[in-house]
N, C-alpha and C. Protein backbone atom coordinates (compact mmCIF):
# COMPACT_ATOMS: atom_id res chain seq x y z
N MET A 1 -24.70 54.10 19.26
CA MET A 1 -25.34 53.47 18.06
C MET A 1 -26.62 54.12 17.45
N ALA A 2 -27.37 54.69 18.61
CA ALA A 2 -28.59 55.48 18.14
C ALA A 2 -28.34 56.67 17.34
N ALA A 3 -27.24 57.25 17.92
CA ALA A 3 -26.91 58.63 17.40
C ALA A 3 -26.26 58.32 15.91
N GLU A 4 -25.47 57.28 15.75
CA GLU A 4 -24.94 57.06 14.38
C GLU A 4 -26.21 56.69 13.40
N CYS A 5 -27.18 55.91 13.92
CA CYS A 5 -28.18 55.57 13.01
C CYS A 5 -29.05 56.92 12.58
N THR A 6 -29.25 57.79 13.71
CA THR A 6 -29.85 59.03 13.34
C THR A 6 -29.03 59.85 12.50
N GLY A 7 -27.80 59.82 12.61
CA GLY A 7 -26.99 60.64 11.56
C GLY A 7 -27.07 60.10 10.13
N ARG A 8 -27.02 58.76 9.90
CA ARG A 8 -27.12 58.10 8.75
C ARG A 8 -28.53 58.59 7.98
N LYS A 9 -29.53 58.67 8.86
CA LYS A 9 -30.93 58.98 8.23
C LYS A 9 -30.85 60.36 7.49
N TRP A 10 -30.01 61.32 8.06
CA TRP A 10 -30.01 62.62 7.40
C TRP A 10 -29.45 62.39 5.89
N TYR A 11 -28.67 61.45 5.49
CA TYR A 11 -28.16 61.39 4.32
C TYR A 11 -29.38 60.80 3.40
N LEU A 12 -30.15 59.92 3.92
CA LEU A 12 -31.46 59.59 3.05
C LEU A 12 -32.31 60.71 2.90
N VAL A 13 -32.45 61.64 3.95
CA VAL A 13 -33.36 62.85 3.92
C VAL A 13 -32.74 63.75 2.75
N GLU A 14 -31.46 63.99 2.76
CA GLU A 14 -30.91 64.75 1.65
C GLU A 14 -31.19 64.29 0.57
N ALA A 15 -30.93 62.80 0.13
CA ALA A 15 -31.30 62.48 -1.09
C ALA A 15 -32.60 62.61 -1.51
N LEU A 16 -33.45 62.08 -0.67
CA LEU A 16 -35.06 62.41 -1.12
C LEU A 16 -35.36 63.75 -1.17
N GLY A 17 -34.71 64.58 -0.31
CA GLY A 17 -35.17 66.14 -0.52
C GLY A 17 -34.81 66.50 -1.98
N LEU A 18 -33.67 66.27 -2.29
CA LEU A 18 -33.23 66.59 -3.85
C LEU A 18 -34.15 66.05 -4.80
N ALA A 19 -34.40 64.85 -4.68
CA ALA A 19 -35.42 64.28 -5.69
C ALA A 19 -36.96 64.98 -5.48
N ALA A 20 -37.23 65.32 -4.40
CA ALA A 20 -38.60 66.12 -4.51
C ALA A 20 -38.41 67.44 -4.82
N LEU A 21 -37.21 68.19 -4.65
CA LEU A 21 -37.23 69.51 -5.15
C LEU A 21 -36.98 69.46 -6.72
N VAL A 22 -36.47 68.57 -7.41
CA VAL A 22 -36.36 68.30 -8.79
C VAL A 22 -37.73 67.98 -9.30
N GLY A 23 -38.48 67.21 -8.69
CA GLY A 23 -39.88 66.82 -9.16
C GLY A 23 -40.65 68.04 -9.06
N VAL A 24 -40.62 68.89 -8.18
CA VAL A 24 -41.49 70.02 -8.06
C VAL A 24 -41.10 71.02 -9.00
N TYR A 25 -39.73 71.20 -9.25
CA TYR A 25 -39.29 72.16 -10.42
C TYR A 25 -39.96 71.69 -11.71
N ILE A 26 -39.83 70.25 -12.03
CA ILE A 26 -40.15 69.76 -13.38
C ILE A 26 -41.58 70.01 -13.40
N TRP A 27 -42.44 69.81 -12.34
CA TRP A 27 -43.92 69.71 -12.58
C TRP A 27 -44.73 71.11 -12.23
N LYS A 28 -43.85 72.14 -11.71
CA LYS A 28 -44.62 73.40 -11.29
C LYS A 28 -43.51 74.59 -11.52
N TRP A 29 -42.55 74.57 -10.69
CA TRP A 29 -41.60 75.78 -10.68
C TRP A 29 -41.24 76.30 -12.00
N GLN A 30 -40.67 75.41 -13.15
CA GLN A 30 -40.12 75.63 -14.39
C GLN A 30 -41.27 76.41 -15.22
N MET A 31 -42.49 76.07 -14.89
CA MET A 31 -43.52 76.84 -15.73
C MET A 31 -43.77 78.15 -15.22
N VAL A 32 -43.94 78.54 -13.67
CA VAL A 32 -44.11 79.66 -13.28
C VAL A 32 -42.86 80.47 -12.94
N SER A 33 -41.82 79.94 -12.83
CA SER A 33 -40.52 80.66 -12.49
C SER A 33 -39.38 79.80 -12.90
N PRO A 34 -38.93 79.87 -14.21
CA PRO A 34 -37.86 79.01 -14.76
C PRO A 34 -36.43 79.11 -14.01
N ARG A 35 -36.28 80.34 -13.32
CA ARG A 35 -35.07 80.64 -12.91
C ARG A 35 -34.76 79.98 -11.33
N SER A 36 -36.06 79.29 -11.02
CA SER A 36 -36.13 78.83 -9.65
C SER A 36 -35.17 77.54 -9.55
N TRP A 37 -34.40 77.20 -10.53
CA TRP A 37 -33.65 76.06 -10.45
C TRP A 37 -32.48 76.22 -9.40
N TRP A 38 -32.26 77.57 -9.22
CA TRP A 38 -31.21 77.82 -8.22
C TRP A 38 -31.47 77.14 -6.91
N ILE A 39 -32.80 76.92 -6.53
CA ILE A 39 -32.95 76.34 -5.18
C ILE A 39 -32.38 74.82 -5.37
N VAL A 40 -32.65 74.12 -6.20
CA VAL A 40 -32.05 72.77 -6.39
C VAL A 40 -30.42 72.78 -6.25
N ALA A 41 -29.97 73.82 -6.95
CA ALA A 41 -28.47 73.93 -6.95
C ALA A 41 -28.01 74.39 -5.53
N ALA A 42 -28.81 75.22 -4.84
CA ALA A 42 -28.41 75.61 -3.64
C ALA A 42 -28.44 74.45 -2.53
N TRP A 43 -29.44 73.52 -2.80
CA TRP A 43 -29.42 72.31 -1.94
C TRP A 43 -28.27 71.54 -2.10
N MET A 44 -27.78 71.38 -3.15
CA MET A 44 -26.66 70.42 -3.38
C MET A 44 -25.39 71.17 -2.88
N VAL A 45 -25.17 72.49 -3.07
CA VAL A 45 -23.93 73.06 -2.72
C VAL A 45 -23.93 73.10 -1.20
N LEU A 46 -25.11 73.45 -0.59
CA LEU A 46 -24.90 73.60 0.84
C LEU A 46 -24.81 72.05 1.53
N SER A 47 -25.35 71.22 0.92
CA SER A 47 -25.03 69.82 1.52
C SER A 47 -23.73 69.54 1.18
N GLY A 48 -23.11 69.70 0.05
CA GLY A 48 -21.74 69.29 -0.21
C GLY A 48 -20.80 70.21 0.70
N VAL A 49 -21.12 71.34 1.23
CA VAL A 49 -20.22 72.22 2.01
C VAL A 49 -20.38 71.49 3.52
N LEU A 50 -21.47 71.17 3.75
CA LEU A 50 -21.75 70.62 5.09
C LEU A 50 -21.12 69.07 5.43
N ARG A 51 -21.10 68.43 4.16
CA ARG A 51 -20.66 67.11 4.37
C ARG A 51 -19.12 67.05 3.81
N ARG A 52 -18.58 68.30 3.49
CA ARG A 52 -17.16 68.28 3.22
C ARG A 52 -16.77 67.50 1.99
N ASP A 53 -17.72 67.48 0.93
CA ASP A 53 -17.21 66.79 -0.29
C ASP A 53 -16.07 67.35 -0.89
N THR A 54 -15.52 66.55 -1.60
CA THR A 54 -14.17 66.84 -2.42
C THR A 54 -14.30 66.31 -3.91
N PRO A 55 -13.56 66.82 -4.87
CA PRO A 55 -13.59 66.42 -6.18
C PRO A 55 -13.63 64.81 -6.27
N LYS A 56 -12.78 64.25 -5.20
CA LYS A 56 -12.68 62.71 -5.47
C LYS A 56 -14.09 62.10 -5.00
N THR A 57 -14.67 62.64 -3.94
CA THR A 57 -16.07 61.86 -3.48
C THR A 57 -17.00 62.19 -4.55
N LEU A 58 -17.01 63.39 -5.13
CA LEU A 58 -17.94 63.79 -6.14
C LEU A 58 -17.73 62.94 -7.56
N GLY A 59 -16.69 62.44 -7.79
CA GLY A 59 -16.54 61.73 -8.98
C GLY A 59 -15.76 62.57 -9.99
N TRP A 60 -15.19 63.77 -9.71
CA TRP A 60 -14.55 64.64 -10.54
C TRP A 60 -12.89 64.27 -10.46
N ARG A 61 -12.62 63.22 -11.02
CA ARG A 61 -11.19 62.85 -10.69
C ARG A 61 -10.56 62.27 -11.95
N ALA A 62 -9.16 62.26 -11.97
CA ALA A 62 -8.39 61.46 -13.21
C ALA A 62 -7.87 60.26 -12.77
N ASP A 63 -7.66 60.11 -11.53
CA ASP A 63 -6.72 58.94 -11.06
C ASP A 63 -7.29 57.56 -11.21
N ASN A 64 -8.64 57.42 -11.29
CA ASN A 64 -9.23 56.25 -11.57
C ASN A 64 -10.09 56.25 -12.90
N LEU A 65 -9.78 57.21 -13.75
CA LEU A 65 -10.37 57.41 -15.14
C LEU A 65 -10.53 56.23 -15.97
N TRP A 66 -9.32 55.71 -16.04
CA TRP A 66 -9.36 54.36 -16.85
C TRP A 66 -9.95 53.14 -16.33
N ALA A 67 -9.93 53.02 -15.11
CA ALA A 67 -10.56 51.92 -14.39
C ALA A 67 -12.11 52.11 -14.51
N ALA A 68 -12.61 53.37 -14.23
CA ALA A 68 -13.98 53.62 -14.55
C ALA A 68 -14.48 53.60 -15.85
N THR A 69 -13.54 53.94 -16.73
CA THR A 69 -14.01 53.90 -18.30
C THR A 69 -14.11 52.35 -18.64
N ARG A 70 -13.14 51.57 -18.22
CA ARG A 70 -13.34 50.07 -18.62
C ARG A 70 -14.60 49.47 -18.17
N ARG A 71 -15.19 49.96 -16.89
CA ARG A 71 -16.23 49.30 -16.29
C ARG A 71 -17.42 49.92 -17.13
N ALA A 72 -17.47 51.13 -17.64
CA ALA A 72 -18.40 51.80 -18.17
C ALA A 72 -18.73 51.34 -19.57
N VAL A 73 -17.67 50.98 -20.25
CA VAL A 73 -17.62 50.60 -21.54
C VAL A 73 -18.59 49.36 -21.85
N LEU A 74 -18.45 48.45 -20.91
CA LEU A 74 -19.03 47.32 -21.02
C LEU A 74 -20.61 47.49 -20.95
N PHE A 75 -21.11 48.10 -20.13
CA PHE A 75 -22.54 48.48 -19.91
C PHE A 75 -22.96 49.22 -21.15
N PHE A 76 -22.32 50.48 -21.34
CA PHE A 76 -22.91 51.31 -22.34
C PHE A 76 -22.55 50.56 -23.85
N GLY A 77 -21.67 49.73 -24.12
CA GLY A 77 -21.50 49.06 -25.26
C GLY A 77 -22.69 48.02 -25.53
N VAL A 78 -23.16 47.30 -24.43
CA VAL A 78 -24.21 46.41 -24.57
C VAL A 78 -25.61 47.30 -24.81
N ALA A 79 -25.71 48.47 -24.28
CA ALA A 79 -26.95 49.21 -24.23
C ALA A 79 -27.06 49.94 -25.55
N VAL A 80 -25.92 50.37 -26.13
CA VAL A 80 -25.69 50.96 -27.48
C VAL A 80 -26.25 50.00 -28.48
N VAL A 81 -25.73 48.62 -28.42
CA VAL A 81 -26.16 47.78 -29.27
C VAL A 81 -27.66 47.37 -29.26
N ALA A 82 -28.25 47.27 -27.94
CA ALA A 82 -29.61 47.01 -27.88
C ALA A 82 -30.39 48.09 -28.41
N VAL A 83 -29.95 49.25 -28.15
CA VAL A 83 -30.94 50.46 -28.76
C VAL A 83 -30.82 50.70 -30.13
N CYS A 84 -29.61 50.39 -30.89
CA CYS A 84 -29.50 50.44 -32.32
C CYS A 84 -30.38 49.37 -32.91
N ALA A 85 -30.34 48.13 -32.18
CA ALA A 85 -31.22 46.99 -32.68
C ALA A 85 -32.71 47.42 -32.68
N ALA A 86 -32.99 48.17 -31.61
CA ALA A 86 -34.41 48.61 -31.73
C ALA A 86 -34.80 49.52 -32.76
N GLY A 87 -33.86 50.54 -33.02
CA GLY A 87 -33.99 51.56 -33.97
C GLY A 87 -34.22 50.89 -35.29
N ILE A 88 -33.40 49.86 -35.55
CA ILE A 88 -33.44 49.14 -37.00
C ILE A 88 -34.62 48.50 -36.97
N PHE A 89 -35.20 47.87 -35.82
CA PHE A 89 -36.56 47.05 -35.89
C PHE A 89 -37.54 47.88 -36.05
N LEU A 90 -37.42 49.30 -35.45
CA LEU A 90 -38.55 50.23 -35.77
C LEU A 90 -38.50 50.98 -36.92
N GLY A 91 -37.59 50.56 -37.96
CA GLY A 91 -37.33 51.23 -39.19
C GLY A 91 -36.96 52.84 -39.09
N MET A 92 -35.98 52.95 -38.21
CA MET A 92 -35.43 54.22 -37.99
C MET A 92 -34.28 54.54 -39.08
N LEU A 93 -33.76 53.70 -39.79
CA LEU A 93 -32.60 53.96 -40.64
C LEU A 93 -32.65 55.01 -41.50
N GLN A 94 -34.02 55.61 -41.98
CA GLN A 94 -34.15 56.72 -42.97
C GLN A 94 -33.97 58.01 -42.07
N ARG A 95 -33.93 57.91 -40.65
CA ARG A 95 -33.61 59.22 -40.13
C ARG A 95 -32.24 59.28 -39.41
N LEU A 96 -31.43 60.30 -39.50
CA LEU A 96 -30.29 60.58 -38.87
C LEU A 96 -30.33 60.87 -37.37
N PRO A 97 -29.50 60.13 -36.65
CA PRO A 97 -29.43 60.67 -35.29
C PRO A 97 -28.76 61.94 -34.95
N ALA A 98 -29.59 63.05 -35.16
CA ALA A 98 -29.06 64.25 -35.15
C ALA A 98 -28.30 64.79 -33.92
N HIS A 99 -28.69 64.34 -32.84
CA HIS A 99 -28.22 64.65 -31.40
C HIS A 99 -26.71 64.01 -31.30
N LEU A 100 -26.48 62.96 -32.21
CA LEU A 100 -25.22 62.37 -32.05
C LEU A 100 -24.09 62.85 -33.12
N ILE A 101 -24.64 63.05 -34.24
CA ILE A 101 -23.70 63.39 -35.49
C ILE A 101 -23.47 65.00 -35.57
N GLU A 102 -24.45 65.77 -35.01
CA GLU A 102 -24.26 67.26 -35.14
C GLU A 102 -23.45 67.89 -33.77
N PRO A 103 -22.23 68.18 -34.15
CA PRO A 103 -21.35 68.66 -32.82
C PRO A 103 -22.18 69.63 -31.85
N ARG A 104 -22.80 70.67 -32.40
CA ARG A 104 -23.27 71.48 -31.54
C ARG A 104 -24.49 70.82 -30.62
N ARG A 105 -25.29 70.08 -31.39
CA ARG A 105 -26.34 69.34 -30.38
C ARG A 105 -25.72 68.49 -29.46
N PHE A 106 -24.69 67.65 -29.82
CA PHE A 106 -24.11 66.75 -28.93
C PHE A 106 -23.33 67.43 -27.90
N ALA A 107 -22.76 68.48 -28.12
CA ALA A 107 -22.01 69.31 -27.06
C ALA A 107 -23.01 69.86 -26.00
N SER A 108 -24.32 70.24 -26.43
CA SER A 108 -25.23 70.64 -25.60
C SER A 108 -25.78 69.64 -24.86
N TYR A 109 -26.19 68.51 -25.41
CA TYR A 109 -26.66 67.51 -24.68
C TYR A 109 -25.62 66.77 -23.66
N LEU A 110 -24.29 66.78 -24.12
CA LEU A 110 -23.36 66.15 -23.20
C LEU A 110 -23.30 67.02 -21.92
N ALA A 111 -23.43 68.37 -22.16
CA ALA A 111 -23.32 69.26 -20.80
C ALA A 111 -24.58 68.97 -19.99
N PHE A 112 -25.73 68.84 -20.72
CA PHE A 112 -27.04 68.41 -19.98
C PHE A 112 -26.76 67.19 -19.10
N CYS A 113 -26.06 66.12 -19.80
CA CYS A 113 -26.00 64.79 -19.14
C CYS A 113 -24.91 64.96 -18.05
N LEU A 114 -24.03 65.90 -18.10
CA LEU A 114 -23.03 66.06 -17.14
C LEU A 114 -23.56 66.64 -15.71
N LEU A 115 -24.71 67.50 -15.98
CA LEU A 115 -25.50 68.14 -14.86
C LEU A 115 -26.29 66.94 -14.29
N GLN A 116 -26.77 66.00 -15.13
CA GLN A 116 -27.62 65.04 -14.52
C GLN A 116 -26.86 63.89 -13.71
N GLN A 117 -25.58 63.73 -14.21
CA GLN A 117 -24.59 62.91 -13.60
C GLN A 117 -24.11 63.51 -12.22
N VAL A 118 -23.96 64.82 -12.05
CA VAL A 118 -23.82 65.59 -10.75
C VAL A 118 -24.87 65.11 -9.79
N ALA A 119 -26.08 65.48 -10.44
CA ALA A 119 -27.47 65.25 -9.37
C ALA A 119 -27.53 63.77 -8.99
N LEU A 120 -27.48 62.94 -10.02
CA LEU A 120 -27.68 61.51 -9.85
C LEU A 120 -26.50 60.93 -8.94
N ASN A 121 -25.40 60.97 -9.49
CA ASN A 121 -24.38 60.17 -8.77
C ASN A 121 -23.54 61.09 -7.56
N SER A 122 -22.97 62.34 -8.18
CA SER A 122 -22.24 63.09 -7.16
C SER A 122 -23.07 63.52 -5.85
N PHE A 123 -24.19 63.56 -6.09
CA PHE A 123 -25.06 63.87 -4.88
C PHE A 123 -25.94 62.68 -4.54
N LEU A 124 -26.85 62.30 -5.20
CA LEU A 124 -28.01 61.35 -4.85
C LEU A 124 -27.33 59.94 -4.39
N THR A 125 -26.69 59.44 -5.19
CA THR A 125 -25.99 58.11 -5.16
C THR A 125 -24.94 58.21 -3.89
N ASN A 126 -24.13 59.23 -3.95
CA ASN A 126 -23.18 59.51 -2.79
C ASN A 126 -24.02 59.46 -1.28
N ARG A 127 -25.10 60.29 -1.45
CA ARG A 127 -25.92 60.34 0.07
C ARG A 127 -26.49 58.92 0.21
N LEU A 128 -26.98 58.08 -0.73
CA LEU A 128 -27.52 56.76 -0.51
C LEU A 128 -26.50 55.89 -0.12
N LEU A 129 -25.29 55.96 -0.69
CA LEU A 129 -24.22 54.94 -0.26
C LEU A 129 -23.96 55.24 1.06
N SER A 130 -24.02 56.39 1.76
CA SER A 130 -23.53 56.87 3.09
C SER A 130 -24.84 56.28 3.92
N TYR A 131 -25.95 56.04 3.47
CA TYR A 131 -27.24 55.45 4.29
C TYR A 131 -27.25 53.95 4.28
N PHE A 132 -27.28 53.51 3.07
CA PHE A 132 -27.37 51.97 2.85
C PHE A 132 -26.07 51.40 3.29
N GLN A 133 -26.14 50.14 3.75
CA GLN A 133 -24.96 49.26 4.05
C GLN A 133 -24.54 48.56 2.86
N LYS A 134 -25.54 48.32 1.89
CA LYS A 134 -25.11 47.47 0.61
C LYS A 134 -25.18 48.47 -0.51
N PRO A 135 -24.24 48.55 -1.33
CA PRO A 135 -24.27 49.35 -2.55
C PRO A 135 -25.35 49.20 -3.44
N TRP A 136 -25.70 48.02 -3.55
CA TRP A 136 -26.90 47.81 -4.52
C TRP A 136 -28.32 48.24 -4.10
N HIS A 137 -28.34 48.46 -2.80
CA HIS A 137 -29.71 49.01 -2.42
C HIS A 137 -29.54 50.71 -2.69
N ALA A 138 -28.54 51.15 -2.56
CA ALA A 138 -28.29 52.61 -3.13
C ALA A 138 -28.52 52.79 -4.55
N ALA A 139 -28.01 51.90 -5.18
CA ALA A 139 -27.90 51.97 -6.64
C ALA A 139 -29.42 51.75 -7.11
N VAL A 140 -30.05 50.81 -6.54
CA VAL A 140 -31.51 50.59 -7.00
C VAL A 140 -32.52 51.60 -6.57
N LEU A 141 -32.30 52.21 -5.46
CA LEU A 141 -33.27 53.48 -5.08
C LEU A 141 -32.81 54.75 -5.95
N ALA A 142 -31.45 54.82 -6.13
CA ALA A 142 -31.11 56.07 -7.11
C ALA A 142 -31.63 55.82 -8.52
N GLY A 143 -31.78 54.68 -8.99
CA GLY A 143 -32.31 54.33 -10.36
C GLY A 143 -33.94 54.64 -10.44
N VAL A 144 -34.60 54.04 -9.31
CA VAL A 144 -36.01 54.46 -9.16
C VAL A 144 -36.40 55.83 -9.04
N LEU A 145 -35.60 56.61 -8.32
CA LEU A 145 -35.84 57.97 -8.23
C LEU A 145 -35.50 58.79 -9.51
N PHE A 146 -34.44 58.46 -10.14
CA PHE A 146 -34.15 58.83 -11.55
C PHE A 146 -35.17 58.56 -12.67
N ALA A 147 -35.79 57.40 -12.47
CA ALA A 147 -36.81 57.06 -13.38
C ALA A 147 -38.05 57.84 -13.20
N ALA A 148 -38.41 58.09 -11.96
CA ALA A 148 -39.61 58.60 -11.41
C ALA A 148 -39.57 60.01 -11.93
N LEU A 149 -38.52 60.68 -12.06
CA LEU A 149 -38.38 62.09 -12.50
C LEU A 149 -38.47 62.26 -14.00
N HIS A 150 -38.50 60.99 -14.68
CA HIS A 150 -38.80 61.12 -16.03
C HIS A 150 -40.16 60.73 -16.45
N TRP A 151 -41.15 60.55 -15.51
CA TRP A 151 -42.44 60.42 -15.65
C TRP A 151 -43.14 61.55 -16.28
N PRO A 152 -44.23 61.41 -17.27
CA PRO A 152 -44.73 60.15 -17.78
C PRO A 152 -44.26 59.58 -19.08
N ASN A 153 -43.01 60.04 -19.46
CA ASN A 153 -42.45 59.53 -20.66
C ASN A 153 -42.46 58.10 -20.76
N PRO A 154 -43.11 57.20 -21.70
CA PRO A 154 -43.09 55.91 -21.60
C PRO A 154 -41.81 55.16 -22.21
N VAL A 155 -41.17 55.94 -23.00
CA VAL A 155 -39.86 55.44 -23.25
C VAL A 155 -38.77 55.67 -22.32
N LEU A 156 -38.65 56.86 -21.68
CA LEU A 156 -37.67 57.14 -20.90
C LEU A 156 -37.78 56.65 -19.42
N VAL A 157 -38.90 56.29 -18.96
CA VAL A 157 -39.06 55.82 -17.68
C VAL A 157 -38.48 54.47 -17.51
N PRO A 158 -38.75 53.51 -18.20
CA PRO A 158 -38.14 52.06 -18.14
C PRO A 158 -36.74 52.18 -18.59
N LEU A 159 -36.26 53.08 -19.41
CA LEU A 159 -34.81 53.03 -19.71
C LEU A 159 -34.14 53.80 -18.76
N THR A 160 -34.61 54.74 -18.19
CA THR A 160 -33.86 55.41 -17.12
C THR A 160 -33.72 54.66 -15.75
N LEU A 161 -34.76 53.77 -15.67
CA LEU A 161 -34.98 52.75 -14.53
C LEU A 161 -33.55 52.07 -14.63
N MET A 162 -33.38 51.32 -15.85
CA MET A 162 -32.30 50.44 -16.03
C MET A 162 -31.10 51.17 -15.93
N GLY A 163 -31.01 52.08 -16.76
CA GLY A 163 -29.68 52.90 -16.90
C GLY A 163 -29.26 53.56 -15.72
N GLY A 164 -30.43 54.12 -14.89
CA GLY A 164 -30.03 54.76 -13.53
C GLY A 164 -29.41 53.82 -12.45
N VAL A 165 -29.96 52.65 -12.38
CA VAL A 165 -29.47 51.69 -11.44
C VAL A 165 -28.07 51.21 -11.93
N ALA A 166 -27.73 50.98 -13.17
CA ALA A 166 -26.44 50.67 -13.68
C ALA A 166 -25.52 51.69 -13.38
N MET A 167 -25.85 53.06 -13.74
CA MET A 167 -24.81 54.07 -13.62
C MET A 167 -24.51 54.36 -12.15
N ALA A 168 -25.51 54.20 -11.34
CA ALA A 168 -25.31 54.34 -9.87
C ALA A 168 -24.44 53.21 -9.34
N TRP A 169 -24.63 51.99 -9.76
CA TRP A 169 -23.91 50.89 -9.53
C TRP A 169 -22.43 51.03 -9.80
N LEU A 170 -22.22 51.62 -11.15
CA LEU A 170 -20.91 51.89 -11.77
C LEU A 170 -20.20 52.95 -10.92
N PHE A 171 -20.98 53.98 -10.48
CA PHE A 171 -20.27 54.98 -9.59
C PHE A 171 -19.95 54.50 -8.23
N ALA A 172 -20.87 53.59 -7.80
CA ALA A 172 -20.33 53.00 -6.41
C ALA A 172 -19.11 52.19 -6.50
N ARG A 173 -18.85 51.46 -7.64
CA ARG A 173 -17.48 50.73 -7.76
C ARG A 173 -16.42 51.65 -8.10
N GLU A 174 -16.52 52.84 -8.93
CA GLU A 174 -15.47 53.64 -9.26
C GLU A 174 -15.96 54.91 -9.08
N ARG A 175 -15.71 55.86 -8.27
CA ARG A 175 -16.34 57.09 -8.23
C ARG A 175 -15.86 58.18 -9.34
N ASN A 176 -16.42 58.10 -10.47
CA ASN A 176 -15.95 59.05 -11.52
C ASN A 176 -17.26 59.13 -12.36
N ILE A 177 -17.72 60.36 -12.58
CA ILE A 177 -18.86 60.60 -13.40
C ILE A 177 -18.55 61.19 -14.85
N LEU A 178 -17.23 61.13 -15.18
CA LEU A 178 -16.89 61.69 -16.50
C LEU A 178 -17.20 60.60 -17.50
N PRO A 179 -16.75 59.37 -17.44
CA PRO A 179 -17.14 58.21 -18.45
C PRO A 179 -18.63 58.09 -18.43
N LEU A 180 -19.44 58.21 -17.34
CA LEU A 180 -20.79 58.11 -17.32
C LEU A 180 -21.58 59.08 -18.05
N ALA A 181 -20.99 60.33 -18.01
CA ALA A 181 -21.65 61.50 -18.62
C ALA A 181 -21.59 61.28 -20.24
N LEU A 182 -20.39 60.97 -20.57
CA LEU A 182 -20.23 60.64 -22.09
C LEU A 182 -21.12 59.62 -22.59
N GLY A 183 -21.01 58.39 -21.82
CA GLY A 183 -21.88 57.34 -22.21
C GLY A 183 -23.21 57.66 -22.20
N GLN A 184 -23.85 58.33 -21.30
CA GLN A 184 -25.23 58.80 -21.41
C GLN A 184 -25.49 59.62 -22.36
N ALA A 185 -24.80 60.58 -22.82
CA ALA A 185 -24.95 61.42 -23.90
C ALA A 185 -24.96 60.53 -25.14
N VAL A 186 -24.23 59.66 -25.50
CA VAL A 186 -24.14 58.79 -26.62
C VAL A 186 -25.57 57.98 -26.63
N LEU A 187 -25.58 57.32 -25.50
CA LEU A 187 -26.88 56.41 -25.48
C LEU A 187 -28.22 57.18 -25.63
N GLY A 188 -28.29 58.43 -24.88
CA GLY A 188 -29.46 59.24 -25.14
C GLY A 188 -29.74 59.68 -26.35
N ALA A 189 -28.59 60.09 -26.95
CA ALA A 189 -28.75 60.57 -28.56
C ALA A 189 -29.34 59.37 -29.42
N LEU A 190 -28.80 58.17 -29.04
CA LEU A 190 -29.18 56.99 -29.82
C LEU A 190 -30.68 56.73 -29.46
N VAL A 191 -31.07 56.89 -28.28
CA VAL A 191 -32.41 56.69 -27.85
C VAL A 191 -33.57 57.81 -28.65
N TRP A 192 -33.10 58.98 -28.71
CA TRP A 192 -33.86 60.03 -29.42
C TRP A 192 -34.18 59.51 -30.82
N TRP A 193 -33.11 58.90 -31.46
CA TRP A 193 -33.12 58.38 -32.90
C TRP A 193 -33.89 57.11 -32.86
N ALA A 194 -33.73 56.24 -31.98
CA ALA A 194 -34.22 54.76 -32.28
C ALA A 194 -35.82 54.71 -32.09
N PHE A 195 -36.38 55.51 -31.36
CA PHE A 195 -37.71 55.45 -31.00
C PHE A 195 -38.66 56.59 -31.71
N PRO A 196 -39.81 56.35 -32.14
CA PRO A 196 -40.67 57.27 -32.86
C PRO A 196 -40.87 58.48 -31.89
N MET A 197 -40.81 59.68 -32.59
CA MET A 197 -41.04 60.92 -31.82
C MET A 197 -42.46 60.92 -31.20
N ALA A 198 -43.41 60.19 -31.78
CA ALA A 198 -44.69 60.05 -31.10
C ALA A 198 -44.67 59.45 -29.93
N TRP A 199 -43.60 58.50 -29.57
CA TRP A 199 -43.52 57.81 -28.43
C TRP A 199 -42.93 58.66 -27.28
N HIS A 200 -41.59 59.32 -27.66
CA HIS A 200 -40.83 59.92 -26.67
C HIS A 200 -41.10 61.62 -26.53
N HIS A 201 -41.85 61.92 -27.64
CA HIS A 201 -42.04 63.45 -27.51
C HIS A 201 -40.83 64.27 -27.48
N SER A 202 -39.66 64.06 -28.21
CA SER A 202 -38.44 64.57 -28.14
C SER A 202 -37.84 64.54 -26.64
N MET A 203 -38.02 63.56 -26.18
CA MET A 203 -37.41 63.23 -24.74
C MET A 203 -38.03 64.24 -23.52
N ARG A 204 -39.18 64.76 -23.85
CA ARG A 204 -39.78 65.65 -22.65
C ARG A 204 -40.27 64.79 -21.52
N VAL A 205 -40.41 65.40 -20.45
CA VAL A 205 -40.82 64.91 -19.12
C VAL A 205 -41.70 65.77 -18.65
N GLY A 206 -42.41 65.37 -17.40
CA GLY A 206 -43.36 66.20 -16.83
C GLY A 206 -44.33 66.73 -17.68
N PRO A 207 -44.91 67.72 -17.21
CA PRO A 207 -46.15 68.50 -18.17
C PRO A 207 -45.74 68.83 -19.83
N GLY A 208 -44.22 68.91 -19.89
CA GLY A 208 -43.80 69.13 -21.17
C GLY A 208 -44.12 67.87 -22.19
N TYR A 209 -44.25 66.66 -21.61
CA TYR A 209 -44.59 65.55 -22.46
C TYR A 209 -45.70 65.65 -23.18
N TRP A 210 -46.69 66.19 -22.25
CA TRP A 210 -48.23 66.32 -22.91
C TRP A 210 -48.54 67.56 -23.87
N THR A 211 -47.76 68.59 -23.63
CA THR A 211 -47.78 69.82 -24.45
C THR A 211 -46.90 69.81 -25.76
N PHE A 212 -46.24 68.70 -25.77
CA PHE A 212 -45.18 68.79 -26.90
C PHE A 212 -45.97 68.60 -28.17
N GLN A 213 -45.42 69.42 -29.26
CA GLN A 213 -46.22 69.43 -30.64
C GLN A 213 -44.99 69.31 -31.68
N GLN A 214 -45.36 68.10 -32.53
CA GLN A 214 -44.19 67.77 -33.45
C GLN A 214 -44.36 68.58 -34.62
């Protein structure tokens, strides 16, 4: 039992280690050495090899795509309506949601969201699910870490907390990141449109939030 408990703790160490590496990259490494992102990638690849991850465990699969999409549509549908309502209330109808309607921008943002889903769910939530006995505990901690990495953005921190918990929970129910990446891309594009640029600084996080110039 003690050996099993010790073994499970390493899943938590791997998850927290990834969050720490991403945090250091956001706040320091990207400014002095932008290509140091490979350290984060190497951490995930090494962990995946040692844990013998497969496309199914990582959420890269088609067999449960419909079931995962049905679950995701409910959450993202409600979230999209709420964000659009906020945008209307804040008087953003005069501004076009460029990241959503311009194919090149949306494709680029979708690729970025896919990378975030790999880190958030394929890796972070996966490891936390192996540590915690209850999926909700894993989903909540994954959401908290996801939100913390969006500090100090006052728009993104609360939204990524709620969204991170929800997406981690959806992943725990159906391990598939594809509908989650698409839903995040649509929702994120609408968040960029719905809230004033002076609030979210073009969705910047870390030191970039303070250095942003409109």
